[in-house]
PDB file of N, CA and C in Angstrom:
ATOM      1  N   MET A   1     141.357 179.213 164.891  1.00  0.00           N
ATOM      2  CA  MET A   1     142.414 179.785 164.068  1.00  0.00           C
ATOM      3  C   MET A   1     142.382 181.316 164.116  1.00  0.00           C
ATOM      4  N   ASN A   2     141.169 181.892 164.295  1.00  0.00           N
ATOM      5  CA  ASN A   2     141.071 183.347 164.360  1.00  0.00           C
ATOM      6  C   ASN A   2     141.884 183.916 165.515  1.00  0.00           C
ATOM      7  N   TYR A   3     141.891 183.233 166.653  1.00  0.00           N
ATOM      8  CA  TYR A   3     142.674 183.713 167.797  1.00  0.00           C
ATOM      9  C   TYR A   3     144.161 183.773 167.459  1.00  0.00           C
ATOM     10  N   PHE A   4     144.636 182.793 166.740  1.00  0.00           N
ATOM     11  CA  PHE A   4     146.036 182.794 166.326  1.00  0.00           C
ATOM     12  C   PHE A   4     146.327 183.968 165.392  1.00  0.00           C
ATOM     13  N   PHE A   5     145.429 184.200 164.422  1.00  0.00           N
ATOM     14  CA  PHE A   5     145.613 185.311 163.488  1.00  0.00           C
ATOM     15  C   PHE A   5     145.614 186.652 164.227  1.00  0.00           C
ATOM     16  N   ILE A   6     144.718 186.827 165.190  1.00  0.00           N
ATOM     17  CA  ILE A   6     144.664 188.069 165.970  1.00  0.00           C
ATOM     18  C   ILE A   6     145.939 188.231 166.791  1.00  0.00           C
ATOM     19  N   PHE A   7     146.379 187.146 167.419  1.00  0.00           N
ATOM     20  CA  PHE A   7     147.612 187.153 168.211  1.00  0.00           C
ATOM     21  C   PHE A   7     148.810 187.546 167.347  1.00  0.00           C
ATOM     22  N   LEU A   8     148.946 186.914 166.203  1.00  0.00           N
ATOM     23  CA  LEU A   8     150.070 187.185 165.302  1.00  0.00           C
ATOM     24  C   LEU A   8     150.022 188.622 164.779  1.00  0.00           C
ATOM     25  N   GLY A   9     148.860 189.033 164.290  1.00  0.00           N
ATOM     26  CA  GLY A   9     148.722 190.390 163.767  1.00  0.00           C
ATOM     27  C   GLY A   9     148.937 191.444 164.834  1.00  0.00           C
ATOM     28  N   GLY A  10     148.402 191.200 166.035  1.00  0.00           N
ATOM     29  CA  GLY A  10     148.566 192.155 167.132  1.00  0.00           C
ATOM     30  C   GLY A  10     150.024 192.332 167.525  1.00  0.00           C
ATOM     31  N   GLY A  11     150.746 191.236 167.572  1.00  0.00           N
ATOM     32  CA  GLY A  11     152.174 191.321 167.894  1.00  0.00           C
ATOM     33  C   GLY A  11     152.953 192.093 166.839  1.00  0.00           C
ATOM     34  N   LEU A  12     152.668 191.807 165.583  1.00  0.00           N
ATOM     35  CA  LEU A  12     153.346 192.518 164.496  1.00  0.00           C
ATOM     36  C   LEU A  12     152.970 193.997 164.479  1.00  0.00           C
ATOM     37  N   GLY A  13     151.694 194.284 164.737  1.00  0.00           N
ATOM     38  CA  GLY A  13     151.245 195.670 164.790  1.00  0.00           C
ATOM     39  C   GLY A  13     151.903 196.437 165.930  1.00  0.00           C
ATOM     40  N   SER A  14     152.038 195.793 167.082  1.00  0.00           N
ATOM     41  CA  SER A  14     152.685 196.439 168.224  1.00  0.00           C
ATOM     42  C   SER A  14     154.149 196.729 167.939  1.00  0.00           C
ATOM     43  N   LEU A  15     154.827 195.801 167.299  1.00  0.00           N
ATOM     44  CA  LEU A  15     156.221 196.038 166.910  1.00  0.00           C
ATOM     45  C   LEU A  15     156.328 197.179 165.904  1.00  0.00           C
ATOM     46  N   ALA A  16     155.405 197.207 164.946  1.00  0.00           N
ATOM     47  CA  ALA A  16     155.396 198.284 163.950  1.00  0.00           C
ATOM     48  C   ALA A  16     155.139 199.634 164.614  1.00  0.00           C
ATOM     49  N   ARG A  17     154.217 199.669 165.593  1.00  0.00           N
ATOM     50  CA  ARG A  17     153.935 200.917 166.314  1.00  0.00           C
ATOM     51  C   ARG A  17     155.159 201.382 167.073  1.00  0.00           C
ATOM     52  N   PHE A  18     155.811 200.467 167.779  1.00  0.00           N
ATOM     53  CA  PHE A  18     156.997 200.817 168.547  1.00  0.00           C
ATOM     54  C   PHE A  18     158.077 201.385 167.630  1.00  0.00           C
ATOM     55  N   ALA A  19     158.339 200.705 166.523  1.00  0.00           N
ATOM     56  CA  ALA A  19     159.369 201.160 165.581  1.00  0.00           C
ATOM     57  C   ALA A  19     158.995 202.508 164.954  1.00  0.00           C
ATOM     58  N   THR A  20     157.742 202.664 164.579  1.00  0.00           N
ATOM     59  CA  THR A  20     157.285 203.920 163.978  1.00  0.00           C
ATOM     60  C   THR A  20     157.410 205.065 164.971  1.00  0.00           C
ATOM     61  N   SER A  21     156.921 204.859 166.180  1.00  0.00           N
ATOM     62  CA  SER A  21     156.984 205.912 167.200  1.00  0.00           C
ATOM     63  C   SER A  21     158.422 206.309 167.517  1.00  0.00           C
ATOM     64  N   LYS A  22     159.273 205.314 167.707  1.00  0.00           N
ATOM     65  CA  LYS A  22     160.684 205.609 168.009  1.00  0.00           C
ATOM     66  C   LYS A  22     161.359 206.320 166.835  1.00  0.00           C
ATOM     67  N   GLY A  23     161.070 205.857 165.624  1.00  0.00           N
ATOM     68  CA  GLY A  23     161.667 206.472 164.440  1.00  0.00           C
ATOM     69  C   GLY A  23     161.226 207.916 164.252  1.00  0.00           C
ATOM     70  N   VAL A  24     159.944 208.146 164.343  1.00  0.00           N
ATOM     71  CA  VAL A  24     159.416 209.509 164.186  1.00  0.00           C
ATOM     72  C   VAL A  24     159.918 210.411 165.300  1.00  0.00           C
ATOM     73  N   ASP A  25     159.871 209.924 166.528  1.00  0.00           N
ATOM     74  CA  ASP A  25     160.315 210.737 167.658  1.00  0.00           C
ATOM     75  C   ASP A  25     161.812 211.056 167.601  1.00  0.00           C
ATOM     76  N   SER A  26     162.612 210.170 167.003  1.00  0.00           N
ATOM     77  CA  SER A  26     164.043 210.462 166.897  1.00  0.00           C
ATOM     78  C   SER A  26     164.326 211.465 165.775  1.00  0.00           C
ATOM     79  N   LEU A  27     163.454 211.505 164.776  1.00  0.00           N
ATOM     80  CA  LEU A  27     163.626 212.455 163.674  1.00  0.00           C
ATOM     81  C   LEU A  27     163.108 213.849 164.005  1.00  0.00           C
ATOM     82  N   PHE A  28     162.029 213.901 164.777  1.00  0.00           N
ATOM     83  CA  PHE A  28     161.375 215.169 165.068  1.00  0.00           C
ATOM     84  C   PHE A  28     161.240 215.339 166.578  1.00  0.00           C
ATOM     85  N   LYS A  29     162.050 216.203 167.139  1.00  0.00           N
ATOM     86  CA  LYS A  29     161.985 216.481 168.578  1.00  0.00           C
ATOM     87  C   LYS A  29     160.873 217.507 168.822  1.00  0.00           C
ATOM     88  N   SER A  30     159.878 217.118 169.623  1.00  0.00           N
ATOM     89  CA  SER A  30     158.736 217.992 169.864  1.00  0.00           C
ATOM     90  C   SER A  30     158.022 217.574 171.134  1.00  0.00           C
ATOM     91  N   ASN A  31     157.295 218.512 171.726  1.00  0.00           N
ATOM     92  CA  ASN A  31     156.431 218.174 172.853  1.00  0.00           C
ATOM     93  C   ASN A  31     155.160 217.474 172.372  1.00  0.00           C
ATOM     94  N   PHE A  32     154.845 217.643 171.100  1.00  0.00           N
ATOM     95  CA  PHE A  32     153.664 217.002 170.518  1.00  0.00           C
ATOM     96  C   PHE A  32     153.959 215.520 170.313  1.00  0.00           C
ATOM     97  N   PRO A  33     153.034 214.636 170.687  1.00  0.00           N
ATOM     98  CA  PRO A  33     153.272 213.184 170.549  1.00  0.00           C
ATOM     99  C   PRO A  33     153.138 212.718 169.096  1.00  0.00           C
ATOM    100  N   LEU A  34     154.092 213.143 168.269  1.00  0.00           N
ATOM    101  CA  LEU A  34     154.036 212.900 166.830  1.00  0.00           C
ATOM    102  C   LEU A  34     154.139 211.420 166.479  1.00  0.00           C
ATOM    103  N   GLY A  35     154.932 210.657 167.213  1.00  0.00           N
ATOM    104  CA  GLY A  35     155.080 209.228 166.923  1.00  0.00           C
ATOM    105  C   GLY A  35     153.771 208.473 167.048  1.00  0.00           C
ATOM    106  N   THR A  36     153.035 208.756 168.103  1.00  0.00           N
ATOM    107  CA  THR A  36     151.728 208.117 168.288  1.00  0.00           C
ATOM    108  C   THR A  36     150.754 208.591 167.231  1.00  0.00           C
ATOM    109  N   PHE A  37     150.783 209.882 166.927  1.00  0.00           N
ATOM    110  CA  PHE A  37     149.910 210.436 165.890  1.00  0.00           C
ATOM    111  C   PHE A  37     150.145 209.732 164.553  1.00  0.00           C
ATOM    112  N   VAL A  38     151.396 209.614 164.143  1.00  0.00           N
ATOM    113  CA  VAL A  38     151.721 208.962 162.867  1.00  0.00           C
ATOM    114  C   VAL A  38     151.268 207.505 162.884  1.00  0.00           C
ATOM    115  N   SER A  39     151.531 206.795 163.967  1.00  0.00           N
ATOM    116  CA  SER A  39     151.102 205.398 164.064  1.00  0.00           C
ATOM    117  C   SER A  39     149.587 205.269 163.910  1.00  0.00           C
ATOM    118  N   ASN A  40     148.846 206.115 164.599  1.00  0.00           N
ATOM    119  CA  ASN A  40     147.388 206.044 164.537  1.00  0.00           C
ATOM    120  C   ASN A  40     146.852 206.389 163.149  1.00  0.00           C
ATOM    121  N   ILE A  41     147.455 207.373 162.493  1.00  0.00           N
ATOM    122  CA  ILE A  41     146.990 207.770 161.158  1.00  0.00           C
ATOM    123  C   ILE A  41     147.332 206.693 160.132  1.00  0.00           C
ATOM    124  N   VAL A  42     148.522 206.154 160.198  1.00  0.00           N
ATOM    125  CA  VAL A  42     148.900 205.076 159.270  1.00  0.00           C
ATOM    126  C   VAL A  42     148.013 203.850 159.499  1.00  0.00           C
ATOM    127  N   ALA A  43     147.744 203.515 160.757  1.00  0.00           N
ATOM    128  CA  ALA A  43     146.856 202.381 161.061  1.00  0.00           C
ATOM    129  C   ALA A  43     145.459 202.619 160.501  1.00  0.00           C
ATOM    130  N   SER A  44     144.967 203.848 160.587  1.00  0.00           N
ATOM    131  CA  SER A  44     143.647 204.173 160.018  1.00  0.00           C
ATOM    132  C   SER A  44     143.639 203.990 158.514  1.00  0.00           C
ATOM    133  N   ALA A  45     144.697 204.439 157.853  1.00  0.00           N
ATOM    134  CA  ALA A  45     144.790 204.292 156.394  1.00  0.00           C
ATOM    135  C   ALA A  45     144.863 202.822 155.997  1.00  0.00           C
ATOM    136  N   ILE A  46     145.644 202.047 156.719  1.00  0.00           N
ATOM    137  CA  ILE A  46     145.748 200.610 156.429  1.00  0.00           C
ATOM    138  C   ILE A  46     144.409 199.934 156.653  1.00  0.00           C
ATOM    139  N   LEU A  47     143.753 200.269 157.763  1.00  0.00           N
ATOM    140  CA  LEU A  47     142.477 199.638 158.100  1.00  0.00           C
ATOM    141  C   LEU A  47     141.428 199.880 157.012  1.00  0.00           C
ATOM    142  N   ILE A  48     141.225 201.134 156.615  1.00  0.00           N
ATOM    143  CA  ILE A  48     140.186 201.401 155.609  1.00  0.00           C
ATOM    144  C   ILE A  48     140.572 200.796 154.262  1.00  0.00           C
ATOM    145  N   SER A  49     141.848 200.782 153.932  1.00  0.00           N
ATOM    146  CA  SER A  49     142.285 200.147 152.679  1.00  0.00           C
ATOM    147  C   SER A  49     141.978 198.656 152.685  1.00  0.00           C
ATOM    148  N   LEU A  50     142.230 198.004 153.807  1.00  0.00           N
ATOM    149  CA  LEU A  50     141.932 196.573 153.915  1.00  0.00           C
ATOM    150  C   LEU A  50     140.429 196.303 153.880  1.00  0.00           C
ATOM    151  N   VAL A  51     139.658 197.144 154.575  1.00  0.00           N
ATOM    152  CA  VAL A  51     138.197 196.985 154.555  1.00  0.00           C
ATOM    153  C   VAL A  51     137.680 197.086 153.132  1.00  0.00           C
ATOM    154  N   LEU A  52     138.174 198.067 152.393  1.00  0.00           N
ATOM    155  CA  LEU A  52     137.744 198.233 151.001  1.00  0.00           C
ATOM    156  C   LEU A  52     138.201 197.066 150.127  1.00  0.00           C
ATOM    157  N   LEU A  53     139.389 196.555 150.396  1.00  0.00           N
ATOM    158  CA  LEU A  53     139.930 195.442 149.624  1.00  0.00           C
ATOM    159  C   LEU A  53     139.088 194.187 149.777  1.00  0.00           C
ATOM    160  N   ILE A  54     138.649 193.905 150.984  1.00  0.00           N
ATOM    161  CA  ILE A  54     137.935 192.646 151.215  1.00  0.00           C
ATOM    162  C   ILE A  54     136.418 192.789 151.187  1.00  0.00           C
ATOM    163  N   GLU A  55     135.930 194.019 150.975  1.00  0.00           N
ATOM    164  CA  GLU A  55     134.495 194.275 151.018  1.00  0.00           C
ATOM    165  C   GLU A  55     133.690 193.284 150.176  1.00  0.00           C
ATOM    166  N   THR A  56     134.158 193.007 148.984  1.00  0.00           N
ATOM    167  CA  THR A  56     133.423 192.114 148.088  1.00  0.00           C
ATOM    168  C   THR A  56     134.048 190.728 147.997  1.00  0.00           C
ATOM    169  N   LYS A  57     135.135 190.499 148.702  1.00  0.00           N
ATOM    170  CA  LYS A  57     135.857 189.224 148.603  1.00  0.00           C
ATOM    171  C   LYS A  57     136.086 188.612 149.981  1.00  0.00           C
ATOM    172  N   GLN A  58     135.107 188.707 150.855  1.00  0.00           N
ATOM    173  CA  GLN A  58     135.300 188.254 152.231  1.00  0.00           C
ATOM    174  C   GLN A  58     135.596 186.765 152.333  1.00  0.00           C
ATOM    175  N   ASP A  59     135.034 185.954 151.445  1.00  0.00           N
ATOM    176  CA  ASP A  59     135.297 184.516 151.506  1.00  0.00           C
ATOM    177  C   ASP A  59     136.744 184.197 151.161  1.00  0.00           C
ATOM    178  N   GLU A  60     137.284 184.916 150.170  1.00  0.00           N
ATOM    179  CA  GLU A  60     138.670 184.681 149.747  1.00  0.00           C
ATOM    180  C   GLU A  60     139.679 185.152 150.790  1.00  0.00           C
ATOM    181  N   PHE A  61     139.331 186.178 151.525  1.00  0.00           N
ATOM    182  CA  PHE A  61     140.258 186.797 152.466  1.00  0.00           C
ATOM    183  C   PHE A  61     139.742 186.707 153.902  1.00  0.00           C
ATOM    184  N   SER A  62     139.279 185.550 154.300  1.00  0.00           N
ATOM    185  CA  SER A  62     138.692 185.390 155.636  1.00  0.00           C
ATOM    186  C   SER A  62     139.715 185.621 156.751  1.00  0.00           C
ATOM    187  N   TRP A  63     140.986 185.471 156.468  1.00  0.00           N
ATOM    188  CA  TRP A  63     142.042 185.662 157.464  1.00  0.00           C
ATOM    189  C   TRP A  63     142.398 187.137 157.643  1.00  0.00           C
ATOM    190  N   VAL A  64     142.022 187.993 156.668  1.00  0.00           N
ATOM    191  CA  VAL A  64     142.437 189.402 156.706  1.00  0.00           C
ATOM    192  C   VAL A  64     141.830 190.134 157.897  1.00  0.00           C
ATOM    193  N   LYS A  65     140.538 189.911 158.152  1.00  0.00           N
ATOM    194  CA  LYS A  65     139.908 190.643 159.256  1.00  0.00           C
ATOM    195  C   LYS A  65     140.542 190.301 160.598  1.00  0.00           C
ATOM    196  N   PRO A  66     140.644 189.026 160.976  1.00  0.00           N
ATOM    197  CA  PRO A  66     141.255 188.770 162.300  1.00  0.00           C
ATOM    198  C   PRO A  66     142.734 189.136 162.370  1.00  0.00           C
ATOM    199  N   MET A  67     143.493 188.852 161.333  1.00  0.00           N
ATOM    200  CA  MET A  67     144.938 189.073 161.425  1.00  0.00           C
ATOM    201  C   MET A  67     145.325 190.532 161.190  1.00  0.00           C
ATOM    202  N   LEU A  68     144.801 191.136 160.144  1.00  0.00           N
ATOM    203  CA  LEU A  68     145.265 192.474 159.782  1.00  0.00           C
ATOM    204  C   LEU A  68     144.384 193.599 160.314  1.00  0.00           C
ATOM    205  N   ILE A  69     143.074 193.453 160.212  1.00  0.00           N
ATOM    206  CA  ILE A  69     142.198 194.534 160.648  1.00  0.00           C
ATOM    207  C   ILE A  69     142.117 194.570 162.172  1.00  0.00           C
ATOM    208  N   ILE A  70     141.791 193.452 162.799  1.00  0.00           N
ATOM    209  CA  ILE A  70     141.680 193.425 164.260  1.00  0.00           C
ATOM    210  C   ILE A  70     143.063 193.378 164.904  1.00  0.00           C
ATOM    211  N   GLY A  71     143.893 192.443 164.482  1.00  0.00           N
ATOM    212  CA  GLY A  71     145.197 192.237 165.104  1.00  0.00           C
ATOM    213  C   GLY A  71     146.204 193.335 164.794  1.00  0.00           C
ATOM    214  N   PHE A  72     146.612 193.428 163.525  1.00  0.00           N
ATOM    215  CA  PHE A  72     147.678 194.357 163.160  1.00  0.00           C
ATOM    216  C   PHE A  72     147.277 195.804 163.411  1.00  0.00           C
ATOM    217  N   CYS A  73     146.130 196.222 162.872  1.00  0.00           N
ATOM    218  CA  CYS A  73     145.714 197.619 163.048  1.00  0.00           C
ATOM    219  C   CYS A  73     145.411 197.930 164.503  1.00  0.00           C
ATOM    220  N   GLY A  74     144.869 196.960 165.241  1.00  0.00           N
ATOM    221  CA  GLY A  74     144.629 197.158 166.668  1.00  0.00           C
ATOM    222  C   GLY A  74     145.916 197.316 167.447  1.00  0.00           C
ATOM    223  N   GLY A  75     146.941 196.555 167.067  1.00  0.00           N
ATOM    224  CA  GLY A  75     148.242 196.668 167.730  1.00  0.00           C
ATOM    225  C   GLY A  75     149.023 197.891 167.278  1.00  0.00           C
ATOM    226  N   PHE A  76     148.821 198.302 166.030  1.00  0.00           N
ATOM    227  CA  PHE A  76     149.566 199.422 165.456  1.00  0.00           C
ATOM    228  C   PHE A  76     149.008 200.767 165.933  1.00  0.00           C
ATOM    229  N   SER A  77     147.710 200.859 166.058  1.00  0.00           N
ATOM    230  CA  SER A  77     147.119 202.091 166.584  1.00  0.00           C
ATOM    231  C   SER A  77     147.032 201.957 168.101  1.00  0.00           C
ATOM    232  N   THR A  78     146.892 203.070 168.766  1.00  0.00           N
ATOM    233  CA  THR A  78     146.912 202.969 170.219  1.00  0.00           C
ATOM    234  C   THR A  78     146.136 204.089 170.877  1.00  0.00           C
ATOM    235  N   PHE A  79     144.911 203.811 171.239  1.00  0.00           N
ATOM    236  CA  PHE A  79     144.091 204.799 171.914  1.00  0.00           C
ATOM    237  C   PHE A  79     144.586 205.054 173.329  1.00  0.00           C
ATOM    238  N   SER A  80     145.062 204.024 173.987  1.00  0.00           N
ATOM    239  CA  SER A  80     145.520 204.200 175.371  1.00  0.00           C
ATOM    240  C   SER A  80     146.730 205.128 175.436  1.00  0.00           C
ATOM    241  N   THR A  81     147.676 204.974 174.517  1.00  0.00           N
ATOM    242  CA  THR A  81     148.841 205.859 174.508  1.00  0.00           C
ATOM    243  C   THR A  81     148.427 207.278 174.138  1.00  0.00           C
ATOM    244  N   PHE A  82     147.538 207.416 173.164  1.00  0.00           N
ATOM    245  CA  PHE A  82     146.988 208.714 172.783  1.00  0.00           C
ATOM    246  C   PHE A  82     146.362 209.388 174.008  1.00  0.00           C
ATOM    247  N   SER A  83     145.570 208.651 174.754  1.00  0.00           N
ATOM    248  CA  SER A  83     144.904 209.197 175.939  1.00  0.00           C
ATOM    249  C   SER A  83     145.927 209.600 177.003  1.00  0.00           C
ATOM    250  N   TYR A  84     146.894 208.738 177.247  1.00  0.00           N
ATOM    251  CA  TYR A  84     147.914 209.025 178.258  1.00  0.00           C
ATOM    252  C   TYR A  84     148.741 210.248 177.874  1.00  0.00           C
ATOM    253  N   GLU A  85     149.165 210.315 176.616  1.00  0.00           N
ATOM    254  CA  GLU A  85     149.982 211.446 176.185  1.00  0.00           C
ATOM    255  C   GLU A  85     149.187 212.750 176.234  1.00  0.00           C
ATOM    256  N   THR A  86     147.909 212.685 175.914  1.00  0.00           N
ATOM    257  CA  THR A  86     147.060 213.870 176.016  1.00  0.00           C
ATOM    258  C   THR A  86     146.935 214.305 177.480  1.00  0.00           C
ATOM    259  N   HIS A  87     146.741 213.341 178.366  1.00  0.00           N
ATOM    260  CA  HIS A  87     146.688 213.639 179.805  1.00  0.00           C
ATOM    261  C   HIS A  87     147.996 214.271 180.269  1.00  0.00           C
ATOM    262  N   THR A  88     149.115 213.733 179.828  1.00  0.00           N
ATOM    263  CA  THR A  88     150.424 214.261 180.217  1.00  0.00           C
ATOM    264  C   THR A  88     150.598 215.699 179.731  1.00  0.00           C
ATOM    265  N   LEU A  89     150.155 215.976 178.512  1.00  0.00           N
ATOM    266  CA  LEU A  89     150.231 217.351 178.005  1.00  0.00           C
ATOM    267  C   LEU A  89     149.433 218.296 178.910  1.00  0.00           C
ATOM    268  N   ILE A  90     148.233 217.879 179.279  1.00  0.00           N
ATOM    269  CA  ILE A  90     147.394 218.704 180.161  1.00  0.00           C
ATOM    270  C   ILE A  90     148.050 218.872 181.518  1.00  0.00           C
ATOM    271  N   ALA A  91     148.540 217.783 182.092  1.00  0.00           N
ATOM    272  CA  ALA A  91     149.173 217.829 183.417  1.00  0.00           C
ATOM    273  C   ALA A  91     150.406 218.718 183.431  1.00  0.00           C
ATOM    274  N   ASN A  92     151.102 218.806 182.283  1.00  0.00           N
ATOM    275  CA  ASN A  92     152.302 219.638 182.191  1.00  0.00           C
ATOM    276  C   ASN A  92     151.991 221.068 181.758  1.00  0.00           C
ATOM    277  N   GLY A  93     150.689 221.389 181.661  1.00  0.00           N
ATOM    278  CA  GLY A  93     150.301 222.752 181.313  1.00  0.00           C
ATOM    279  C   GLY A  93     150.259 223.048 179.824  1.00  0.00           C
ATOM    280  N   ASN A  94     150.449 222.039 178.991  1.00  0.00           N
ATOM    281  CA  ASN A  94     150.404 222.223 177.539  1.00  0.00           C
ATOM    282  C   ASN A  94     148.975 222.010 177.024  1.00  0.00           C
ATOM    283  N   ILE A  95     148.068 222.851 177.491  1.00  0.00           N
ATOM    284  CA  ILE A  95     146.650 222.695 177.169  1.00  0.00           C
ATOM    285  C   ILE A  95     146.411 222.825 175.670  1.00  0.00           C
ATOM    286  N   LEU A  96     147.028 223.799 175.035  1.00  0.00           N
ATOM    287  CA  LEU A  96     146.830 223.995 173.596  1.00  0.00           C
ATOM    288  C   LEU A  96     147.308 222.775 172.800  1.00  0.00           C
ATOM    289  N   LEU A  97     148.476 222.245 173.154  1.00  0.00           N
ATOM    290  CA  LEU A  97     148.964 221.039 172.471  1.00  0.00           C
ATOM    291  C   LEU A  97     148.039 219.849 172.709  1.00  0.00           C
ATOM    292  N   ALA A  98     147.487 219.736 173.899  1.00  0.00           N
ATOM    293  CA  ALA A  98     146.547 218.648 174.203  1.00  0.00           C
ATOM    294  C   ALA A  98     145.304 218.761 173.326  1.00  0.00           C
ATOM    295  N   ILE A  99     144.766 219.968 173.231  1.00  0.00           N
ATOM    296  CA  ILE A  99     143.583 220.188 172.390  1.00  0.00           C
ATOM    297  C   ILE A  99     143.919 219.920 170.931  1.00  0.00           C
ATOM    298  N   LEU A 100     145.069 220.402 170.478  1.00  0.00           N
ATOM    299  CA  LEU A 100     145.492 220.141 169.097  1.00  0.00           C
ATOM    300  C   LEU A 100     145.656 218.646 168.842  1.00  0.00           C
ATOM    301  N   ASN A 101     146.223 217.928 169.800  1.00  0.00           N
ATOM    302  CA  ASN A 101     146.401 216.485 169.665  1.00  0.00           C
ATOM    303  C   ASN A 101     145.050 215.794 169.469  1.00  0.00           C
ATOM    304  N   ILE A 102     144.073 216.183 170.271  1.00  0.00           N
ATOM    305  CA  ILE A 102     142.743 215.576 170.160  1.00  0.00           C
ATOM    306  C   ILE A 102     142.094 215.926 168.828  1.00  0.00           C
ATOM    307  N   VAL A 103     142.044 217.202 168.506  1.00  0.00           N
ATOM    308  CA  VAL A 103     141.345 217.669 167.305  1.00  0.00           C
ATOM    309  C   VAL A 103     142.019 217.162 166.034  1.00  0.00           C
ATOM    310  N   ILE A 104     143.338 217.314 165.958  1.00  0.00           N
ATOM    311  CA  ILE A 104     144.051 216.896 164.746  1.00  0.00           C
ATOM    312  C   ILE A 104     143.986 215.383 164.573  1.00  0.00           C
ATOM    313  N   SER A 105     144.169 214.639 165.650  1.00  0.00           N
ATOM    314  CA  SER A 105     144.128 213.174 165.546  1.00  0.00           C
ATOM    315  C   SER A 105     142.770 212.690 165.049  1.00  0.00           C
ATOM    316  N   LEU A 106     141.711 213.224 165.627  1.00  0.00           N
ATOM    317  CA  LEU A 106     140.374 212.804 165.199  1.00  0.00           C
ATOM    318  C   LEU A 106     140.056 213.282 163.790  1.00  0.00           C
ATOM    319  N   ALA A 107     140.351 214.543 163.506  1.00  0.00           N
ATOM    320  CA  ALA A 107     140.026 215.097 162.188  1.00  0.00           C
ATOM    321  C   ALA A 107     140.799 214.386 161.075  1.00  0.00           C
ATOM    322  N   VAL A 108     142.074 214.195 161.270  1.00  0.00           N
ATOM    323  CA  VAL A 108     142.882 213.541 160.233  1.00  0.00           C
ATOM    324  C   VAL A 108     142.527 212.062 160.130  1.00  0.00           C
ATOM    325  N   GLY A 109     142.375 211.381 161.251  1.00  0.00           N
ATOM    326  CA  GLY A 109     142.030 209.956 161.227  1.00  0.00           C
ATOM    327  C   GLY A 109     140.705 209.688 160.535  1.00  0.00           C
ATOM    328  N   ILE A 110     139.673 210.400 160.938  1.00  0.00           N
ATOM    329  CA  ILE A 110     138.351 210.206 160.333  1.00  0.00           C
ATOM    330  C   ILE A 110     138.323 210.763 158.915  1.00  0.00           C
ATOM    331  N   GLY A 111     138.938 211.919 158.721  1.00  0.00           N
ATOM    332  CA  GLY A 111     138.989 212.512 157.379  1.00  0.00           C
ATOM    333  C   GLY A 111     139.692 211.621 156.375  1.00  0.00           C
ATOM    334  N   LEU A 112     140.756 210.981 156.800  1.00  0.00           N
ATOM    335  CA  LEU A 112     141.497 210.081 155.926  1.00  0.00           C
ATOM    336  C   LEU A 112     140.629 208.903 155.492  1.00  0.00           C
ATOM    337  N   ILE A 113     139.846 208.396 156.410  1.00  0.00           N
ATOM    338  CA  ILE A 113     138.943 207.291 156.063  1.00  0.00           C
ATOM    339  C   ILE A 113     137.926 207.747 155.025  1.00  0.00           C
ATOM    340  N   PHE A 114     137.331 208.933 155.217  1.00  0.00           N
ATOM    341  CA  PHE A 114     136.394 209.466 154.225  1.00  0.00           C
ATOM    342  C   PHE A 114     137.085 209.661 152.875  1.00  0.00           C
ATOM    343  N   LEU A 115     138.295 210.203 152.886  1.00  0.00           N
ATOM    344  CA  LEU A 115     139.037 210.471 151.654  1.00  0.00           C
ATOM    345  C   LEU A 115     139.349 209.175 150.898  1.00  0.00           C
ATOM    346  N   ILE A 116     139.882 208.195 151.589  1.00  0.00           N
ATOM    347  CA  ILE A 116     140.225 206.923 150.942  1.00  0.00           C
ATOM    348  C   ILE A 116     138.969 206.223 150.440  1.00  0.00           C
ATOM    349  N   ARG A 117     137.922 206.228 151.228  1.00  0.00           N
ATOM    350  CA  ARG A 117     136.662 205.587 150.829  1.00  0.00           C
ATOM    351  C   ARG A 117     136.073 206.284 149.603  1.00  0.00           C
ATOM    352  N   ALA A 118     136.155 207.600 149.545  1.00  0.00           N
ATOM    353  CA  ALA A 118     135.603 208.351 148.416  1.00  0.00           C
ATOM    354  C   ALA A 118     136.364 208.073 147.126  1.00  0.00           C
ATOM    355  N   LYS A 119     137.651 207.787 147.239  1.00  0.00           N
ATOM    356  CA  LYS A 119     138.464 207.531 146.044  1.00  0.00           C
ATOM    357  C   LYS A 119     138.337 206.103 145.529  1.00  0.00           C
ATOM    358  N   SER A 120     137.703 205.226 146.308  1.00  0.00           N
ATOM    359  CA  SER A 120     137.610 203.835 145.866  1.00  0.00           C
ATOM    360  C   SER A 120     136.388 203.600 145.007  1.00  0.00           C
TER     361      SER A 120
END
């Protein structure tokens, strides 16, 4: 059953990432890969919130980890797209934007997890 939950969550997460990226990119025209950044940050926030939610109730929410944490958040966040877009920035001579993409994505993603965890 876990494989089904991962499959379902991953598909939904991928659709959410696609919609988020397209929506953000249509609102904000930029060379910076803002759509991927937003998807990854939102996925990080959802992931840590879910981890905190089920931390003490793992038996009650046994489906949450495979479907939402592994599947949905795995499909919603995207390291491969982040890596490709960073490579493209470098290849196009946008070295500063590439460095900013790496630093800001990591700092905000990890920082957000610390912030949410500290408030719980």
